[in-house]
Amino acid sequence: MTDKQEMSFEEAMNQLETIVNQLEHGDVPLEKAIDLFQQGMQLSQLCGQKLAQVERKIEMIVEEDGEIRKQPFIPQTEESETLG
């Protein structure tokens, strides 16, 4: 596995999917399954951290009453999209 800090979100997700597939099939020895589970938990945590970093970085510039200010990005949920 590559250095986790240098791994992109997509790479981490791909590795996590591979691990999940291996564990779902259940054809790995117990010790290997435990190692895979630990790796999967680390990758899951890494993905969560990367998403949190991106969320903090995303800001929308909004012009309000002739004044430009930063506003945190608030993603639309499926429910709010159907209501809007």
N, C-alpha and C. Protein backbone atom coordinates (compact mmCIF):
# COMPACT_ATOMS: atom_id res chain seq x y z
N MET A 1 0.86 -1.19 0.00
CA MET A 1 0.00 0.00 0.00
C MET A 1 0.89 1.24 0.00
N THR A 2 0.49 2.27 -0.75
CA THR A 2 1.27 3.50 -0.81
C THR A 2 1.09 4.29 0.49
N ASP A 3 1.93 5.31 0.66
CA ASP A 3 1.84 6.16 1.84
C ASP A 3 0.45 6.78 1.90
N LYS A 4 -0.23 6.57 3.00
CA LYS A 4 -1.63 7.01 3.12
C LYS A 4 -1.78 8.52 3.01
N GLN A 5 -0.80 9.28 3.48
CA GLN A 5 -0.91 10.73 3.43
C GLN A 5 -0.84 11.25 1.99
N GLU A 6 -0.15 10.52 1.11
CA GLU A 6 -0.03 10.94 -0.28
C GLU A 6 -1.11 10.35 -1.16
N MET A 7 -1.90 9.45 -0.63
CA MET A 7 -2.93 8.77 -1.39
C MET A 7 -4.11 9.72 -1.64
N SER A 8 -4.60 9.69 -2.87
CA SER A 8 -5.76 10.52 -3.19
C SER A 8 -7.02 9.87 -2.62
N PHE A 9 -8.07 10.64 -2.56
CA PHE A 9 -9.36 10.14 -2.09
C PHE A 9 -9.81 8.96 -2.94
N GLU A 10 -9.66 9.11 -4.28
CA GLU A 10 -10.10 8.07 -5.21
C GLU A 10 -9.31 6.78 -5.02
N GLU A 11 -7.99 6.91 -4.82
CA GLU A 11 -7.16 5.73 -4.58
C GLU A 11 -7.58 5.02 -3.29
N ALA A 12 -7.82 5.80 -2.26
CA ALA A 12 -8.23 5.22 -0.98
C ALA A 12 -9.58 4.52 -1.12
N MET A 13 -10.51 5.14 -1.83
CA MET A 13 -11.83 4.52 -2.03
C MET A 13 -11.72 3.23 -2.83
N ASN A 14 -10.88 3.22 -3.87
CA ASN A 14 -10.69 2.01 -4.67
C ASN A 14 -10.12 0.88 -3.83
N GLN A 15 -9.13 1.19 -3.01
CA GLN A 15 -8.54 0.16 -2.13
C GLN A 15 -9.56 -0.31 -1.11
N LEU A 16 -10.35 0.62 -0.59
CA LEU A 16 -11.38 0.26 0.39
C LEU A 16 -12.42 -0.67 -0.25
N GLU A 17 -12.82 -0.39 -1.47
CA GLU A 17 -13.78 -1.24 -2.18
C GLU A 17 -13.21 -2.63 -2.39
N THR A 18 -11.94 -2.72 -2.74
CA THR A 18 -11.29 -4.02 -2.93
C THR A 18 -11.30 -4.81 -1.64
N ILE A 19 -10.98 -4.15 -0.55
CA ILE A 19 -10.96 -4.81 0.76
C ILE A 19 -12.35 -5.30 1.13
N VAL A 20 -13.35 -4.46 0.93
CA VAL A 20 -14.73 -4.84 1.26
C VAL A 20 -15.15 -6.05 0.44
N ASN A 21 -14.81 -6.06 -0.84
CA ASN A 21 -15.16 -7.20 -1.69
C ASN A 21 -14.50 -8.48 -1.19
N GLN A 22 -13.23 -8.39 -0.80
CA GLN A 22 -12.54 -9.57 -0.28
C GLN A 22 -13.19 -10.08 0.99
N LEU A 23 -13.55 -9.15 1.88
CA LEU A 23 -14.17 -9.54 3.14
C LEU A 23 -15.58 -10.09 2.94
N GLU A 24 -16.32 -9.54 1.99
CA GLU A 24 -17.68 -10.02 1.74
C GLU A 24 -17.70 -11.44 1.20
N HIS A 25 -16.69 -11.79 0.43
CA HIS A 25 -16.65 -13.15 -0.12
C HIS A 25 -16.28 -14.18 0.94
N GLY A 26 -15.63 -13.73 2.00
CA GLY A 26 -15.35 -14.59 3.14
C GLY A 26 -14.37 -15.72 2.86
N ASP A 27 -13.63 -15.65 1.78
CA ASP A 27 -12.71 -16.74 1.46
C ASP A 27 -11.26 -16.41 1.83
N VAL A 28 -11.07 -15.56 2.84
CA VAL A 28 -9.72 -15.24 3.32
C VAL A 28 -9.56 -15.80 4.73
N PRO A 29 -8.35 -16.23 5.06
CA PRO A 29 -8.10 -16.73 6.42
C PRO A 29 -8.38 -15.65 7.46
N LEU A 30 -8.68 -16.07 8.66
CA LEU A 30 -9.08 -15.15 9.73
C LEU A 30 -8.04 -14.05 9.96
N GLU A 31 -6.77 -14.42 10.07
CA GLU A 31 -5.74 -13.40 10.32
C GLU A 31 -5.67 -12.39 9.19
N LYS A 32 -5.79 -12.85 7.94
CA LYS A 32 -5.79 -11.96 6.78
C LYS A 32 -7.03 -11.06 6.83
N ALA A 33 -8.17 -11.63 7.23
CA ALA A 33 -9.41 -10.84 7.33
C ALA A 33 -9.26 -9.73 8.37
N ILE A 34 -8.60 -10.03 9.47
CA ILE A 34 -8.39 -9.01 10.51
C ILE A 34 -7.49 -7.91 9.97
N ASP A 35 -6.41 -8.29 9.27
CA ASP A 35 -5.51 -7.29 8.67
C ASP A 35 -6.26 -6.43 7.65
N LEU A 36 -7.07 -7.07 6.82
CA LEU A 36 -7.85 -6.33 5.82
C LEU A 36 -8.82 -5.37 6.50
N PHE A 37 -9.47 -5.84 7.58
CA PHE A 37 -10.41 -5.00 8.31
C PHE A 37 -9.70 -3.76 8.87
N GLN A 38 -8.51 -3.96 9.45
CA GLN A 38 -7.76 -2.83 10.00
C GLN A 38 -7.36 -1.85 8.90
N GLN A 39 -6.91 -2.37 7.76
CA GLN A 39 -6.56 -1.51 6.64
C GLN A 39 -7.79 -0.73 6.17
N GLY A 40 -8.91 -1.43 6.10
CA GLY A 40 -10.16 -0.79 5.68
C GLY A 40 -10.58 0.32 6.62
N MET A 41 -10.43 0.11 7.90
CA MET A 41 -10.77 1.15 8.88
C MET A 41 -9.86 2.36 8.72
N GLN A 42 -8.57 2.13 8.48
CA GLN A 42 -7.63 3.23 8.27
C GLN A 42 -7.99 4.00 6.99
N LEU A 43 -8.32 3.27 5.94
CA LEU A 43 -8.70 3.93 4.68
C LEU A 43 -9.99 4.71 4.84
N SER A 44 -10.93 4.15 5.58
CA SER A 44 -12.19 4.84 5.83
C SER A 44 -11.96 6.14 6.59
N GLN A 45 -11.09 6.08 7.59
CA GLN A 45 -10.76 7.28 8.37
C GLN A 45 -10.06 8.31 7.49
N LEU A 46 -9.15 7.86 6.62
CA LEU A 46 -8.45 8.75 5.71
C LEU A 46 -9.44 9.44 4.78
N CYS A 47 -10.39 8.67 4.23
CA CYS A 47 -11.40 9.26 3.34
C CYS A 47 -12.23 10.30 4.09
N GLY A 48 -12.61 10.00 5.32
CA GLY A 48 -13.36 10.96 6.12
C GLY A 48 -12.58 12.23 6.37
N GLN A 49 -11.28 12.09 6.64
CA GLN A 49 -10.44 13.27 6.87
C GLN A 49 -10.31 14.11 5.60
N LYS A 50 -10.12 13.43 4.47
CA LYS A 50 -9.99 14.15 3.20
C LYS A 50 -11.28 14.88 2.87
N LEU A 51 -12.42 14.26 3.11
CA LEU A 51 -13.70 14.92 2.85
C LEU A 51 -13.88 16.13 3.77
N ALA A 52 -13.47 16.00 5.02
CA ALA A 52 -13.59 17.12 5.96
C ALA A 52 -12.68 18.28 5.53
N GLN A 53 -11.48 17.97 5.02
CA GLN A 53 -10.58 19.01 4.55
C GLN A 53 -11.18 19.75 3.36
N VAL A 54 -11.74 18.99 2.44
CA VAL A 54 -12.33 19.59 1.26
C VAL A 54 -13.53 20.45 1.65
N GLU A 55 -14.34 19.94 2.57
CA GLU A 55 -15.51 20.70 3.02
C GLU A 55 -15.10 22.04 3.62
N ARG A 56 -14.00 22.04 4.40
CA ARG A 56 -13.53 23.29 5.00
C ARG A 56 -13.01 24.26 3.94
N LYS A 57 -12.46 23.72 2.84
CA LYS A 57 -11.88 24.57 1.80
C LYS A 57 -12.93 25.16 0.87
N ILE A 58 -14.04 24.46 0.73
CA ILE A 58 -15.05 24.91 -0.24
C ILE A 58 -15.81 26.10 0.35
N GLU A 59 -15.72 27.19 -0.32
CA GLU A 59 -16.47 28.37 0.09
C GLU A 59 -17.06 29.00 -1.16
N MET A 60 -18.20 29.55 -1.00
CA MET A 60 -18.82 30.26 -2.11
C MET A 60 -18.68 31.75 -1.85
N ILE A 61 -18.37 32.48 -2.90
CA ILE A 61 -18.32 33.93 -2.77
C ILE A 61 -19.69 34.45 -3.18
N VAL A 62 -20.28 35.15 -2.29
CA VAL A 62 -21.63 35.63 -2.49
C VAL A 62 -21.63 37.16 -2.47
N GLU A 63 -22.26 37.74 -3.45
CA GLU A 63 -22.38 39.19 -3.46
C GLU A 63 -23.73 39.52 -2.83
N GLU A 64 -23.67 40.24 -1.74
CA GLU A 64 -24.89 40.56 -1.01
C GLU A 64 -24.87 42.05 -0.68
N ASP A 65 -25.86 42.78 -1.18
CA ASP A 65 -25.97 44.22 -0.95
C ASP A 65 -24.69 44.94 -1.36
N GLY A 66 -24.12 44.54 -2.51
CA GLY A 66 -22.92 45.19 -3.01
C GLY A 66 -21.66 44.82 -2.26
N GLU A 67 -21.75 43.92 -1.33
CA GLU A 67 -20.61 43.51 -0.52
C GLU A 67 -20.28 42.06 -0.83
N ILE A 68 -19.03 41.78 -1.07
CA ILE A 68 -18.61 40.40 -1.31
C ILE A 68 -18.13 39.82 0.01
N ARG A 69 -18.69 38.67 0.34
CA ARG A 69 -18.27 38.00 1.57
C ARG A 69 -18.19 36.51 1.31
N LYS A 70 -17.45 35.82 2.15
CA LYS A 70 -17.33 34.38 2.03
C LYS A 70 -18.46 33.73 2.80
N GLN A 71 -18.98 32.67 2.21
CA GLN A 71 -20.06 31.92 2.85
C GLN A 71 -19.70 30.45 2.76
N PRO A 72 -19.81 29.69 3.83
CA PRO A 72 -19.49 28.27 3.75
C PRO A 72 -20.38 27.56 2.74
N PHE A 73 -19.82 26.57 2.07
CA PHE A 73 -20.57 25.78 1.12
C PHE A 73 -21.49 24.84 1.88
N ILE A 74 -22.77 24.84 1.54
CA ILE A 74 -23.73 23.93 2.15
C ILE A 74 -24.31 23.07 1.03
N PRO A 75 -23.91 21.79 0.98
CA PRO A 75 -24.39 20.93 -0.11
C PRO A 75 -25.88 20.69 0.00
N GLN A 76 -26.52 20.59 -1.18
CA GLN A 76 -27.95 20.28 -1.20
C GLN A 76 -28.13 18.80 -0.98
N THR A 77 -29.12 18.46 -0.18
CA THR A 77 -29.45 17.06 -0.01
C THR A 77 -30.51 16.72 -1.05
N GLU A 78 -30.72 15.43 -1.27
CA GLU A 78 -31.73 15.00 -2.24
C GLU A 78 -33.10 15.56 -1.86
N GLU A 79 -33.37 15.59 -0.56
CA GLU A 79 -34.67 16.08 -0.10
C GLU A 79 -34.87 17.54 -0.44
N SER A 80 -33.83 18.37 -0.22
CA SER A 80 -33.97 19.80 -0.52
C SER A 80 -34.03 20.05 -2.01
N GLU A 81 -33.41 19.17 -2.83
CA GLU A 81 -33.47 19.33 -4.27
C GLU A 81 -34.87 19.07 -4.79
N THR A 82 -35.56 18.10 -4.20
CA THR A 82 -36.90 17.77 -4.66
C THR A 82 -37.92 18.81 -4.18
N LEU A 83 -37.62 19.44 -3.04
CA LEU A 83 -38.52 20.46 -2.52
C LEU A 83 -38.36 21.77 -3.27
N GLY A 84 -37.14 22.03 -3.79
CA GLY A 84 -36.83 23.31 -4.43
C GLY A 84 -37.26 23.38 -5.79
